[in-house]
Amino acid sequence: MTKYDLRQRSYGFSVKLVKFLNRLSTSRLSAPLFNQLLRSGTSIGANIEESDSSPSRKDFKHKLTISKKEAAETVYWLKIIIDAEVLKNQNNVSRANEILKEAEELLKILGSITRKL
């Protein structure tokens, strides 16, 4: 996968995540979980974008490593939300599982790239 494709894929992931979270009703319990998920999930693409204008290979790797960490955190929050049954609607659970799969794929891609750098 080229860097351009990763940029597009991470951007698309962020858009899907924002749309998904925007449709959910929140409670006192779910709001902090959704906020953490939103922050980590959108940070993946933001750090990939930032890596594109890195002045050095070291900084490029650092930004992609941050993206990888954010992807891992996103996977964590999605698993918590799914396994703790925060989502009551089965359609929302199915959508969350789709988003989880994409987050896990981004994590694998970023892991592979950072290992090779």
PDB file of N, CA and C in Angstrom:
ATOM      1  N   MET A   1       0.845  -1.178   0.000  1.00  0.00           N
ATOM      2  CA  MET A   1       0.000   0.000   0.000  1.00  0.00           C
ATOM      3  C   MET A   1       0.892   1.243   0.000  1.00  0.00           C
ATOM      4  N   THR A   2       0.597   2.178  -0.853  1.00  0.00           N
ATOM      5  CA  THR A   2       1.402   3.388  -0.932  1.00  0.00           C
ATOM      6  C   THR A   2       1.018   4.348   0.187  1.00  0.00           C
ATOM      7  N   LYS A   3       1.900   5.312   0.403  1.00  0.00           N
ATOM      8  CA  LYS A   3       1.634   6.305   1.446  1.00  0.00           C
ATOM      9  C   LYS A   3       0.327   7.042   1.148  1.00  0.00           C
ATOM     10  N   TYR A   4       0.091   7.361  -0.113  1.00  0.00           N
ATOM     11  CA  TYR A   4      -1.139   8.055  -0.496  1.00  0.00           C
ATOM     12  C   TYR A   4      -2.361   7.228  -0.127  1.00  0.00           C
ATOM     13  N   ASP A   5      -2.325   5.927  -0.417  1.00  0.00           N
ATOM     14  CA  ASP A   5      -3.451   5.065  -0.077  1.00  0.00           C
ATOM     15  C   ASP A   5      -3.688   5.027   1.430  1.00  0.00           C
ATOM     16  N   LEU A   6      -2.618   4.989   2.213  1.00  0.00           N
ATOM     17  CA  LEU A   6      -2.749   4.976   3.664  1.00  0.00           C
ATOM     18  C   LEU A   6      -3.365   6.279   4.156  1.00  0.00           C
ATOM     19  N   ARG A   7      -2.974   7.377   3.552  1.00  0.00           N
ATOM     20  CA  ARG A   7      -3.556   8.665   3.923  1.00  0.00           C
ATOM     21  C   ARG A   7      -5.052   8.670   3.646  1.00  0.00           C
ATOM     22  N   GLN A   8      -5.444   8.203   2.474  1.00  0.00           N
ATOM     23  CA  GLN A   8      -6.853   8.156   2.109  1.00  0.00           C
ATOM     24  C   GLN A   8      -7.625   7.193   3.017  1.00  0.00           C
ATOM     25  N   ARG A   9      -7.018   6.050   3.287  1.00  0.00           N
ATOM     26  CA  ARG A   9      -7.688   5.041   4.111  1.00  0.00           C
ATOM     27  C   ARG A   9      -7.881   5.539   5.540  1.00  0.00           C
ATOM     28  N   SER A  10      -6.874   6.180   6.102  1.00  0.00           N
ATOM     29  CA  SER A  10      -6.996   6.685   7.475  1.00  0.00           C
ATOM     30  C   SER A  10      -7.997   7.842   7.544  1.00  0.00           C
ATOM     31  N   TYR A  11      -8.033   8.658   6.494  1.00  0.00           N
ATOM     32  CA  TYR A  11      -9.017   9.737   6.444  1.00  0.00           C
ATOM     33  C   TYR A  11     -10.434   9.154   6.383  1.00  0.00           C
ATOM     34  N   GLY A  12     -10.619   8.168   5.518  1.00  0.00           N
ATOM     35  CA  GLY A  12     -11.919   7.508   5.408  1.00  0.00           C
ATOM     36  C   GLY A  12     -12.334   6.864   6.715  1.00  0.00           C
ATOM     37  N   PHE A  13     -11.366   6.269   7.413  1.00  0.00           N
ATOM     38  CA  PHE A  13     -11.652   5.675   8.716  1.00  0.00           C
ATOM     39  C   PHE A  13     -12.158   6.733   9.691  1.00  0.00           C
ATOM     40  N   SER A  14     -11.492   7.874   9.726  1.00  0.00           N
ATOM     41  CA  SER A  14     -11.899   8.963  10.630  1.00  0.00           C
ATOM     42  C   SER A  14     -13.320   9.435  10.323  1.00  0.00           C
ATOM     43  N   VAL A  15     -13.620   9.584   9.053  1.00  0.00           N
ATOM     44  CA  VAL A  15     -14.962  10.035   8.655  1.00  0.00           C
ATOM     45  C   VAL A  15     -16.011   9.013   9.088  1.00  0.00           C
ATOM     46  N   LYS A  16     -15.750   7.725   8.853  1.00  0.00           N
ATOM     47  CA  LYS A  16     -16.690   6.677   9.264  1.00  0.00           C
ATOM     48  C   LYS A  16     -16.893   6.687  10.777  1.00  0.00           C
ATOM     49  N   LEU A  17     -15.807   6.851  11.502  1.00  0.00           N
ATOM     50  CA  LEU A  17     -15.885   6.856  12.960  1.00  0.00           C
ATOM     51  C   LEU A  17     -16.704   8.042  13.461  1.00  0.00           C
ATOM     52  N   VAL A  18     -16.456   9.220  12.914  1.00  0.00           N
ATOM     53  CA  VAL A  18     -17.193  10.415  13.326  1.00  0.00           C
ATOM     54  C   VAL A  18     -18.686  10.247  13.023  1.00  0.00           C
ATOM     55  N   LYS A  19     -19.006   9.765  11.842  1.00  0.00           N
ATOM     56  CA  LYS A  19     -20.413   9.558  11.487  1.00  0.00           C
ATOM     57  C   LYS A  19     -21.072   8.534  12.414  1.00  0.00           C
ATOM     58  N   PHE A  20     -20.349   7.462  12.705  1.00  0.00           N
ATOM     59  CA  PHE A  20     -20.876   6.436  13.610  1.00  0.00           C
ATOM     60  C   PHE A  20     -21.161   7.017  14.984  1.00  0.00           C
ATOM     61  N   LEU A  21     -20.195   7.700  15.557  1.00  0.00           N
ATOM     62  CA  LEU A  21     -20.361   8.254  16.903  1.00  0.00           C
ATOM     63  C   LEU A  21     -21.432   9.338  16.939  1.00  0.00           C
ATOM     64  N   ASN A  22     -21.557  10.078  15.864  1.00  0.00           N
ATOM     65  CA  ASN A  22     -22.548  11.150  15.805  1.00  0.00           C
ATOM     66  C   ASN A  22     -23.979  10.612  15.857  1.00  0.00           C
ATOM     67  N   ARG A  23     -24.177   9.377  15.411  1.00  0.00           N
ATOM     68  CA  ARG A  23     -25.518   8.778  15.402  1.00  0.00           C
ATOM     69  C   ARG A  23     -25.906   8.159  16.740  1.00  0.00           C
ATOM     70  N   LEU A  24     -24.949   7.991  17.623  1.00  0.00           N
ATOM     71  CA  LEU A  24     -25.222   7.309  18.895  1.00  0.00           C
ATOM     72  C   LEU A  24     -25.762   8.276  19.935  1.00  0.00           C
ATOM     73  N   SER A  25     -26.646   7.784  20.762  1.00  0.00           N
ATOM     74  CA  SER A  25     -27.076   8.573  21.907  1.00  0.00           C
ATOM     75  C   SER A  25     -26.090   8.284  23.041  1.00  0.00           C
ATOM     76  N   THR A  26     -25.807   9.299  23.806  1.00  0.00           N
ATOM     77  CA  THR A  26     -24.808   9.149  24.863  1.00  0.00           C
ATOM     78  C   THR A  26     -25.446   9.220  26.236  1.00  0.00           C
ATOM     79  N   SER A  27     -24.757   8.581  27.156  1.00  0.00           N
ATOM     80  CA  SER A  27     -25.159   8.635  28.559  1.00  0.00           C
ATOM     81  C   SER A  27     -23.955   9.145  29.351  1.00  0.00           C
ATOM     82  N   ARG A  28     -24.147   9.279  30.641  1.00  0.00           N
ATOM     83  CA  ARG A  28     -23.034   9.701  31.500  1.00  0.00           C
ATOM     84  C   ARG A  28     -21.890   8.701  31.427  1.00  0.00           C
ATOM     85  N   LEU A  29     -22.205   7.445  31.262  1.00  0.00           N
ATOM     86  CA  LEU A  29     -21.201   6.392  31.189  1.00  0.00           C
ATOM     87  C   LEU A  29     -20.542   6.335  29.820  1.00  0.00           C
ATOM     88  N   SER A  30     -21.326   6.416  28.762  1.00  0.00           N
ATOM     89  CA  SER A  30     -20.772   6.233  27.416  1.00  0.00           C
ATOM     90  C   SER A  30     -20.037   7.448  26.879  1.00  0.00           C
ATOM     91  N   ALA A  31     -20.399   8.647  27.297  1.00  0.00           N
ATOM     92  CA  ALA A  31     -19.791   9.866  26.752  1.00  0.00           C
ATOM     93  C   ALA A  31     -18.262   9.874  26.864  1.00  0.00           C
ATOM     94  N   PRO A  32     -17.686   9.567  28.031  1.00  0.00           N
ATOM     95  CA  PRO A  32     -16.216   9.568  28.110  1.00  0.00           C
ATOM     96  C   PRO A  32     -15.580   8.484  27.229  1.00  0.00           C
ATOM     97  N   LEU A  33     -16.233   7.341  27.113  1.00  0.00           N
ATOM     98  CA  LEU A  33     -15.708   6.270  26.258  1.00  0.00           C
ATOM     99  C   LEU A  33     -15.721   6.707  24.800  1.00  0.00           C
ATOM    100  N   PHE A  34     -16.833   7.285  24.360  1.00  0.00           N
ATOM    101  CA  PHE A  34     -16.945   7.745  22.978  1.00  0.00           C
ATOM    102  C   PHE A  34     -15.950   8.866  22.700  1.00  0.00           C
ATOM    103  N   ASN A  35     -15.735   9.737  23.674  1.00  0.00           N
ATOM    104  CA  ASN A  35     -14.787  10.836  23.501  1.00  0.00           C
ATOM    105  C   ASN A  35     -13.361  10.300  23.322  1.00  0.00           C
ATOM    106  N   GLN A  36     -12.980   9.339  24.142  1.00  0.00           N
ATOM    107  CA  GLN A  36     -11.648   8.738  24.016  1.00  0.00           C
ATOM    108  C   GLN A  36     -11.493   8.062  22.655  1.00  0.00           C
ATOM    109  N   LEU A  37     -12.534   7.355  22.224  1.00  0.00           N
ATOM    110  CA  LEU A  37     -12.508   6.686  20.928  1.00  0.00           C
ATOM    111  C   LEU A  37     -12.381   7.702  19.799  1.00  0.00           C
ATOM    112  N   LEU A  38     -13.131   8.774  19.876  1.00  0.00           N
ATOM    113  CA  LEU A  38     -13.063   9.827  18.861  1.00  0.00           C
ATOM    114  C   LEU A  38     -11.665  10.432  18.780  1.00  0.00           C
ATOM    115  N   ARG A  39     -11.090  10.717  19.936  1.00  0.00           N
ATOM    116  CA  ARG A  39      -9.762  11.349  19.968  1.00  0.00           C
ATOM    117  C   ARG A  39      -8.682  10.437  19.390  1.00  0.00           C
ATOM    118  N   SER A  40      -8.676   9.187  19.817  1.00  0.00           N
ATOM    119  CA  SER A  40      -7.636   8.276  19.327  1.00  0.00           C
ATOM    120  C   SER A  40      -7.873   7.910  17.863  1.00  0.00           C
ATOM    121  N   GLY A  41      -9.124   7.682  17.494  1.00  0.00           N
ATOM    122  CA  GLY A  41      -9.428   7.262  16.137  1.00  0.00           C
ATOM    123  C   GLY A  41      -9.117   8.305  15.082  1.00  0.00           C
ATOM    124  N   THR A  42      -9.394   9.559  15.378  1.00  0.00           N
ATOM    125  CA  THR A  42      -9.097  10.619  14.406  1.00  0.00           C
ATOM    126  C   THR A  42      -7.624  11.018  14.437  1.00  0.00           C
ATOM    127  N   SER A  43      -6.955  10.708  15.516  1.00  0.00           N
ATOM    128  CA  SER A  43      -5.530  11.022  15.629  1.00  0.00           C
ATOM    129  C   SER A  43      -4.667  10.144  14.721  1.00  0.00           C
ATOM    130  N   ILE A  44      -5.166   8.961  14.367  1.00  0.00           N
ATOM    131  CA  ILE A  44      -4.412   8.069  13.474  1.00  0.00           C
ATOM    132  C   ILE A  44      -4.084   8.812  12.184  1.00  0.00           C
ATOM    133  N   GLY A  45      -5.115   9.286  11.519  1.00  0.00           N
ATOM    134  CA  GLY A  45      -4.924   9.987  10.248  1.00  0.00           C
ATOM    135  C   GLY A  45      -4.209  11.311  10.393  1.00  0.00           C
ATOM    136  N   ALA A  46      -4.477  12.009  11.485  1.00  0.00           N
ATOM    137  CA  ALA A  46      -3.824  13.305  11.691  1.00  0.00           C
ATOM    138  C   ALA A  46      -2.309  13.143  11.779  1.00  0.00           C
ATOM    139  N   ASN A  47      -1.854  12.110  12.458  1.00  0.00           N
ATOM    140  CA  ASN A  47      -0.415  11.881  12.567  1.00  0.00           C
ATOM    141  C   ASN A  47       0.189  11.352  11.271  1.00  0.00           C
ATOM    142  N   ILE A  48      -0.590  10.601  10.505  1.00  0.00           N
ATOM    143  CA  ILE A  48      -0.115  10.177   9.183  1.00  0.00           C
ATOM    144  C   ILE A  48       0.058  11.409   8.297  1.00  0.00           C
ATOM    145  N   GLU A  49      -0.897  12.312   8.333  1.00  0.00           N
ATOM    146  CA  GLU A  49      -0.776  13.566   7.567  1.00  0.00           C
ATOM    147  C   GLU A  49       0.452  14.355   7.998  1.00  0.00           C
ATOM    148  N   GLU A  50       0.655  14.429   9.295  1.00  0.00           N
ATOM    149  CA  GLU A  50       1.801  15.169   9.824  1.00  0.00           C
ATOM    150  C   GLU A  50       3.111  14.518   9.396  1.00  0.00           C
ATOM    151  N   SER A  51       3.143  13.200   9.321  1.00  0.00           N
ATOM    152  CA  SER A  51       4.371  12.501   8.926  1.00  0.00           C
ATOM    153  C   SER A  51       4.776  12.846   7.499  1.00  0.00           C
ATOM    154  N   ASP A  52       3.797  13.181   6.684  1.00  0.00           N
ATOM    155  CA  ASP A  52       4.065  13.491   5.277  1.00  0.00           C
ATOM    156  C   ASP A  52       4.954  14.719   5.107  1.00  0.00           C
ATOM    157  N   SER A  53       4.910  15.624   6.071  1.00  0.00           N
ATOM    158  CA  SER A  53       5.749  16.820   5.968  1.00  0.00           C
ATOM    159  C   SER A  53       6.892  16.810   6.983  1.00  0.00           C
ATOM    160  N   SER A  54       7.298  15.612   7.387  1.00  0.00           N
ATOM    161  CA  SER A  54       8.403  15.481   8.333  1.00  0.00           C
ATOM    162  C   SER A  54       9.718  15.903   7.673  1.00  0.00           C
ATOM    163  N   PRO A  55      10.550  16.633   8.410  1.00  0.00           N
ATOM    164  CA  PRO A  55      11.823  17.088   7.841  1.00  0.00           C
ATOM    165  C   PRO A  55      12.896  15.996   7.792  1.00  0.00           C
ATOM    166  N   SER A  56      12.686  14.898   8.514  1.00  0.00           N
ATOM    167  CA  SER A  56      13.707  13.848   8.547  1.00  0.00           C
ATOM    168  C   SER A  56      13.039  12.477   8.603  1.00  0.00           C
ATOM    169  N   ARG A  57      13.813  11.462   8.281  1.00  0.00           N
ATOM    170  CA  ARG A  57      13.326  10.081   8.355  1.00  0.00           C
ATOM    171  C   ARG A  57      12.980   9.710   9.801  1.00  0.00           C
ATOM    172  N   LYS A  58      13.785  10.219  10.744  1.00  0.00           N
ATOM    173  CA  LYS A  58      13.545   9.942  12.156  1.00  0.00           C
ATOM    174  C   LYS A  58      12.193  10.511  12.601  1.00  0.00           C
ATOM    175  N   ASP A  59      11.902  11.747  12.196  1.00  0.00           N
ATOM    176  CA  ASP A  59      10.635  12.374  12.551  1.00  0.00           C
ATOM    177  C   ASP A  59       9.476  11.663  11.849  1.00  0.00           C
ATOM    178  N   PHE A  60       9.685  11.251  10.599  1.00  0.00           N
ATOM    179  CA  PHE A  60       8.680  10.499   9.856  1.00  0.00           C
ATOM    180  C   PHE A  60       8.312   9.228  10.607  1.00  0.00           C
ATOM    181  N   LYS A  61       9.316   8.475  11.048  1.00  0.00           N
ATOM    182  CA  LYS A  61       9.070   7.241  11.787  1.00  0.00           C
ATOM    183  C   LYS A  61       8.369   7.536  13.117  1.00  0.00           C
ATOM    184  N   HIS A  62       8.789   8.607  13.778  1.00  0.00           N
ATOM    185  CA  HIS A  62       8.175   8.984  15.055  1.00  0.00           C
ATOM    186  C   HIS A  62       6.674   9.251  14.886  1.00  0.00           C
ATOM    187  N   LYS A  63       6.308  10.010  13.857  1.00  0.00           N
ATOM    188  CA  LYS A  63       4.891  10.329  13.628  1.00  0.00           C
ATOM    189  C   LYS A  63       4.092   9.070  13.291  1.00  0.00           C
ATOM    190  N   LEU A  64       4.679   8.178  12.501  1.00  0.00           N
ATOM    191  CA  LEU A  64       3.973   6.944  12.175  1.00  0.00           C
ATOM    192  C   LEU A  64       3.872   6.029  13.388  1.00  0.00           C
ATOM    193  N   THR A  65       4.861   6.081  14.259  1.00  0.00           N
ATOM    194  CA  THR A  65       4.794   5.303  15.501  1.00  0.00           C
ATOM    195  C   THR A  65       3.667   5.828  16.392  1.00  0.00           C
ATOM    196  N   ILE A  66       3.491   7.128  16.423  1.00  0.00           N
ATOM    197  CA  ILE A  66       2.380   7.715  17.177  1.00  0.00           C
ATOM    198  C   ILE A  66       1.057   7.249  16.563  1.00  0.00           C
ATOM    199  N   SER A  67       0.963   7.237  15.243  1.00  0.00           N
ATOM    200  CA  SER A  67      -0.252   6.750  14.577  1.00  0.00           C
ATOM    201  C   SER A  67      -0.532   5.310  14.965  1.00  0.00           C
ATOM    202  N   LYS A  68       0.504   4.496  15.027  1.00  0.00           N
ATOM    203  CA  LYS A  68       0.351   3.095  15.413  1.00  0.00           C
ATOM    204  C   LYS A  68      -0.180   2.989  16.844  1.00  0.00           C
ATOM    205  N   LYS A  69       0.375   3.788  17.740  1.00  0.00           N
ATOM    206  CA  LYS A  69      -0.095   3.786  19.128  1.00  0.00           C
ATOM    207  C   LYS A  69      -1.555   4.217  19.217  1.00  0.00           C
ATOM    208  N   GLU A  70      -1.927   5.210  18.434  1.00  0.00           N
ATOM    209  CA  GLU A  70      -3.320   5.679  18.426  1.00  0.00           C
ATOM    210  C   GLU A  70      -4.250   4.606  17.860  1.00  0.00           C
ATOM    211  N   ALA A  71      -3.783   3.863  16.856  1.00  0.00           N
ATOM    212  CA  ALA A  71      -4.587   2.765  16.307  1.00  0.00           C
ATOM    213  C   ALA A  71      -4.799   1.682  17.369  1.00  0.00           C
ATOM    214  N   ALA A  72      -3.742   1.376  18.123  1.00  0.00           N
ATOM    215  CA  ALA A  72      -3.857   0.381  19.193  1.00  0.00           C
ATOM    216  C   ALA A  72      -4.844   0.859  20.254  1.00  0.00           C
ATOM    217  N   GLU A  73      -4.786   2.126  20.597  1.00  0.00           N
ATOM    218  CA  GLU A  73      -5.714   2.675  21.585  1.00  0.00           C
ATOM    219  C   GLU A  73      -7.146   2.646  21.051  1.00  0.00           C
ATOM    220  N   THR A  74      -7.318   2.931  19.782  1.00  0.00           N
ATOM    221  CA  THR A  74      -8.638   2.890  19.158  1.00  0.00           C
ATOM    222  C   THR A  74      -9.226   1.484  19.226  1.00  0.00           C
ATOM    223  N   VAL A  75      -8.408   0.484  18.926  1.00  0.00           N
ATOM    224  CA  VAL A  75      -8.842  -0.914  19.031  1.00  0.00           C
ATOM    225  C   VAL A  75      -9.278  -1.201  20.461  1.00  0.00           C
ATOM    226  N   TYR A  76      -8.504  -0.740  21.419  1.00  0.00           N
ATOM    227  CA  TYR A  76      -8.829  -0.951  22.833  1.00  0.00           C
ATOM    228  C   TYR A  76     -10.204  -0.374  23.180  1.00  0.00           C
ATOM    229  N   TRP A  77     -10.441   0.894  22.832  1.00  0.00           N
ATOM    230  CA  TRP A  77     -11.714   1.540  23.182  1.00  0.00           C
ATOM    231  C   TRP A  77     -12.885   0.873  22.478  1.00  0.00           C
ATOM    232  N   LEU A  78     -12.696   0.483  21.229  1.00  0.00           N
ATOM    233  CA  LEU A  78     -13.773  -0.210  20.522  1.00  0.00           C
ATOM    234  C   LEU A  78     -14.109  -1.534  21.195  1.00  0.00           C
ATOM    235  N   LYS A  79     -13.097  -2.277  21.596  1.00  0.00           N
ATOM    236  CA  LYS A  79     -13.336  -3.555  22.278  1.00  0.00           C
ATOM    237  C   LYS A  79     -14.068  -3.344  23.603  1.00  0.00           C
ATOM    238  N   ILE A  80     -13.674  -2.331  24.347  1.00  0.00           N
ATOM    239  CA  ILE A  80     -14.358  -2.022  25.618  1.00  0.00           C
ATOM    240  C   ILE A  80     -15.829  -1.715  25.350  1.00  0.00           C
ATOM    241  N   ILE A  81     -16.092  -0.849  24.388  1.00  0.00           N
ATOM    242  CA  ILE A  81     -17.456  -0.435  24.080  1.00  0.00           C
ATOM    243  C   ILE A  81     -18.296  -1.632  23.627  1.00  0.00           C
ATOM    244  N   ILE A  82     -17.709  -2.503  22.825  1.00  0.00           N
ATOM    245  CA  ILE A  82     -18.439  -3.679  22.341  1.00  0.00           C
ATOM    246  C   ILE A  82     -18.628  -4.698  23.459  1.00  0.00           C
ATOM    247  N   ASP A  83     -17.539  -5.068  24.137  1.00  0.00           N
ATOM    248  CA  ASP A  83     -17.604  -6.130  25.145  1.00  0.00           C
ATOM    249  C   ASP A  83     -18.373  -5.742  26.405  1.00  0.00           C
ATOM    250  N   ALA A  84     -18.365  -4.466  26.742  1.00  0.00           N
ATOM    251  CA  ALA A  84     -19.110  -4.007  27.921  1.00  0.00           C
ATOM    252  C   ALA A  84     -20.582  -3.749  27.588  1.00  0.00           C
ATOM    253  N   GLU A  85     -20.953  -4.026  26.339  1.00  0.00           N
ATOM    254  CA  GLU A  85     -22.332  -3.887  25.878  1.00  0.00           C
ATOM    255  C   GLU A  85     -22.879  -2.474  26.065  1.00  0.00           C
ATOM    256  N   VAL A  86     -22.024  -1.509  25.759  1.00  0.00           N
ATOM    257  CA  VAL A  86     -22.439  -0.112  25.834  1.00  0.00           C
ATOM    258  C   VAL A  86     -23.443   0.195  24.726  1.00  0.00           C
ATOM    259  N   LEU A  87     -23.271  -0.470  23.586  1.00  0.00           N
ATOM    260  CA  LEU A  87     -24.171  -0.265  22.454  1.00  0.00           C
ATOM    261  C   LEU A  87     -25.345  -1.222  22.572  1.00  0.00           C
ATOM    262  N   LYS A  88     -26.528  -0.710  22.698  1.00  0.00           N
ATOM    263  CA  LYS A  88     -27.715  -1.546  22.926  1.00  0.00           C
ATOM    264  C   LYS A  88     -28.329  -2.045  21.620  1.00  0.00           C
ATOM    265  N   ASN A  89     -28.156  -1.328  20.555  1.00  0.00           N
ATOM    266  CA  ASN A  89     -28.745  -1.648  19.267  1.00  0.00           C
ATOM    267  C   ASN A  89     -27.816  -2.584  18.491  1.00  0.00           C
ATOM    268  N   GLN A  90     -28.318  -3.706  18.008  1.00  0.00           N
ATOM    269  CA  GLN A  90     -27.494  -4.696  17.300  1.00  0.00           C
ATOM    270  C   GLN A  90     -26.874  -4.122  16.028  1.00  0.00           C
ATOM    271  N   ASN A  91     -27.572  -3.218  15.353  1.00  0.00           N
ATOM    272  CA  ASN A  91     -26.993  -2.573  14.167  1.00  0.00           C
ATOM    273  C   ASN A  91     -25.755  -1.768  14.548  1.00  0.00           C
ATOM    274  N   ASN A  92     -25.813  -1.100  15.688  1.00  0.00           N
ATOM    275  CA  ASN A  92     -24.657  -0.337  16.156  1.00  0.00           C
ATOM    276  C   ASN A  92     -23.497  -1.257  16.537  1.00  0.00           C
ATOM    277  N   VAL A  93     -23.816  -2.402  17.116  1.00  0.00           N
ATOM    278  CA  VAL A  93     -22.780  -3.376  17.464  1.00  0.00           C
ATOM    279  C   VAL A  93     -22.112  -3.898  16.194  1.00  0.00           C
ATOM    280  N   SER A  94     -22.909  -4.205  15.187  1.00  0.00           N
ATOM    281  CA  SER A  94     -22.363  -4.680  13.911  1.00  0.00           C
ATOM    282  C   SER A  94     -21.464  -3.623  13.280  1.00  0.00           C
ATOM    283  N   ARG A  95     -21.919  -2.389  13.298  1.00  0.00           N
ATOM    284  CA  ARG A  95     -21.119  -1.283  12.724  1.00  0.00           C
ATOM    285  C   ARG A  95     -19.834  -1.091  13.516  1.00  0.00           C
ATOM    286  N   ALA A  96     -19.916  -1.175  14.827  1.00  0.00           N
ATOM    287  CA  ALA A  96     -18.720  -1.042  15.665  1.00  0.00           C
ATOM    288  C   ALA A  96     -17.715  -2.149  15.350  1.00  0.00           C
ATOM    289  N   ASN A  97     -18.208  -3.356  15.104  1.00  0.00           N
ATOM    290  CA  ASN A  97     -17.319  -4.467  14.744  1.00  0.00           C
ATOM    291  C   ASN A  97     -16.645  -4.228  13.394  1.00  0.00           C
ATOM    292  N   GLU A  98     -17.357  -3.635  12.447  1.00  0.00           N
ATOM    293  CA  GLU A  98     -16.760  -3.278  11.158  1.00  0.00           C
ATOM    294  C   GLU A  98     -15.654  -2.237  11.347  1.00  0.00           C
ATOM    295  N   ILE A  99     -15.930  -1.249  12.168  1.00  0.00           N
ATOM    296  CA  ILE A  99     -14.944  -0.199  12.441  1.00  0.00           C
ATOM    297  C   ILE A  99     -13.747  -0.798  13.180  1.00  0.00           C
ATOM    298  N   LEU A 100     -14.003  -1.719  14.095  1.00  0.00           N
ATOM    299  CA  LEU A 100     -12.926  -2.406  14.808  1.00  0.00           C
ATOM    300  C   LEU A 100     -12.020  -3.156  13.836  1.00  0.00           C
ATOM    301  N   LYS A 101     -12.609  -3.850  12.894  1.00  0.00           N
ATOM    302  CA  LYS A 101     -11.825  -4.589  11.900  1.00  0.00           C
ATOM    303  C   LYS A 101     -10.918  -3.644  11.111  1.00  0.00           C
ATOM    304  N   GLU A 102     -11.460  -2.514  10.700  1.00  0.00           N
ATOM    305  CA  GLU A 102     -10.658  -1.533   9.959  1.00  0.00           C
ATOM    306  C   GLU A 102      -9.536  -0.968  10.831  1.00  0.00           C
ATOM    307  N   ALA A 103      -9.830  -0.700  12.098  1.00  0.00           N
ATOM    308  CA  ALA A 103      -8.800  -0.191  13.018  1.00  0.00           C
ATOM    309  C   ALA A 103      -7.687  -1.223  13.187  1.00  0.00           C
ATOM    310  N   GLU A 104      -8.057  -2.494  13.293  1.00  0.00           N
ATOM    311  CA  GLU A 104      -7.051  -3.552  13.423  1.00  0.00           C
ATOM    312  C   GLU A 104      -6.194  -3.661  12.163  1.00  0.00           C
ATOM    313  N   GLU A 105      -6.800  -3.463  11.004  1.00  0.00           N
ATOM    314  CA  GLU A 105      -6.040  -3.490   9.753  1.00  0.00           C
ATOM    315  C   GLU A 105      -5.080  -2.308   9.676  1.00  0.00           C
ATOM    316  N   LEU A 106      -5.539  -1.121  10.058  1.00  0.00           N
ATOM    317  CA  LEU A 106      -4.648   0.043  10.093  1.00  0.00           C
ATOM    318  C   LEU A 106      -3.490  -0.194  11.054  1.00  0.00           C
ATOM    319  N   LEU A 107      -3.784  -0.802  12.192  1.00  0.00           N
ATOM    320  CA  LEU A 107      -2.739  -1.107  13.173  1.00  0.00           C
ATOM    321  C   LEU A 107      -1.693  -2.037  12.567  1.00  0.00           C
ATOM    322  N   LYS A 108      -2.115  -3.060  11.852  1.00  0.00           N
ATOM    323  CA  LYS A 108      -1.179  -3.992  11.218  1.00  0.00           C
ATOM    324  C   LYS A 108      -0.339  -3.298  10.148  1.00  0.00           C
ATOM    325  N   ILE A 109      -0.980  -2.472   9.350  1.00  0.00           N
ATOM    326  CA  ILE A 109      -0.262  -1.741   8.292  1.00  0.00           C
ATOM    327  C   ILE A 109       0.787  -0.836   8.916  1.00  0.00           C
ATOM    328  N   LEU A 110       0.388  -0.067   9.914  1.00  0.00           N
ATOM    329  CA  LEU A 110       1.322   0.857  10.567  1.00  0.00           C
ATOM    330  C   LEU A 110       2.443   0.106  11.276  1.00  0.00           C
ATOM    331  N   GLY A 111       2.122  -1.038  11.870  1.00  0.00           N
ATOM    332  CA  GLY A 111       3.152  -1.865  12.501  1.00  0.00           C
ATOM    333  C   GLY A 111       4.169  -2.345  11.498  1.00  0.00           C
ATOM    334  N   SER A 112       3.703  -2.771  10.346  1.00  0.00           N
ATOM    335  CA  SER A 112       4.595  -3.245   9.290  1.00  0.00           C
ATOM    336  C   SER A 112       5.495  -2.120   8.781  1.00  0.00           C
ATOM    337  N   ILE A 113       4.910  -0.964   8.560  1.00  0.00           N
ATOM    338  CA  ILE A 113       5.693   0.177   8.058  1.00  0.00           C
ATOM    339  C   ILE A 113       6.751   0.591   9.076  1.00  0.00           C
ATOM    340  N   THR A 114       6.364   0.725  10.333  1.00  0.00           N
ATOM    341  CA  THR A 114       7.329   1.201  11.348  1.00  0.00           C
ATOM    342  C   THR A 114       8.440   0.178  11.593  1.00  0.00           C
ATOM    343  N   ARG A 115       8.152  -1.098  11.469  1.00  0.00           N
ATOM    344  CA  ARG A 115       9.204  -2.114  11.610  1.00  0.00           C
ATOM    345  C   ARG A 115      10.235  -2.021  10.497  1.00  0.00           C
ATOM    346  N   LYS A 116       9.767  -1.658   9.301  1.00  0.00           N
ATOM    347  CA  LYS A 116      10.652  -1.592   8.138  1.00  0.00           C
ATOM    348  C   LYS A 116      11.483  -0.320   8.102  1.00  0.00           C
ATOM    349  N   LEU A 117      11.073   0.707   8.822  1.00  0.00           N
ATOM    350  CA  LEU A 117      11.806   1.982   8.786  1.00  0.00           C
ATOM    351  C   LEU A 117      13.065   1.927   9.629  1.00  0.00           C
TER     352      LEU A 117
END
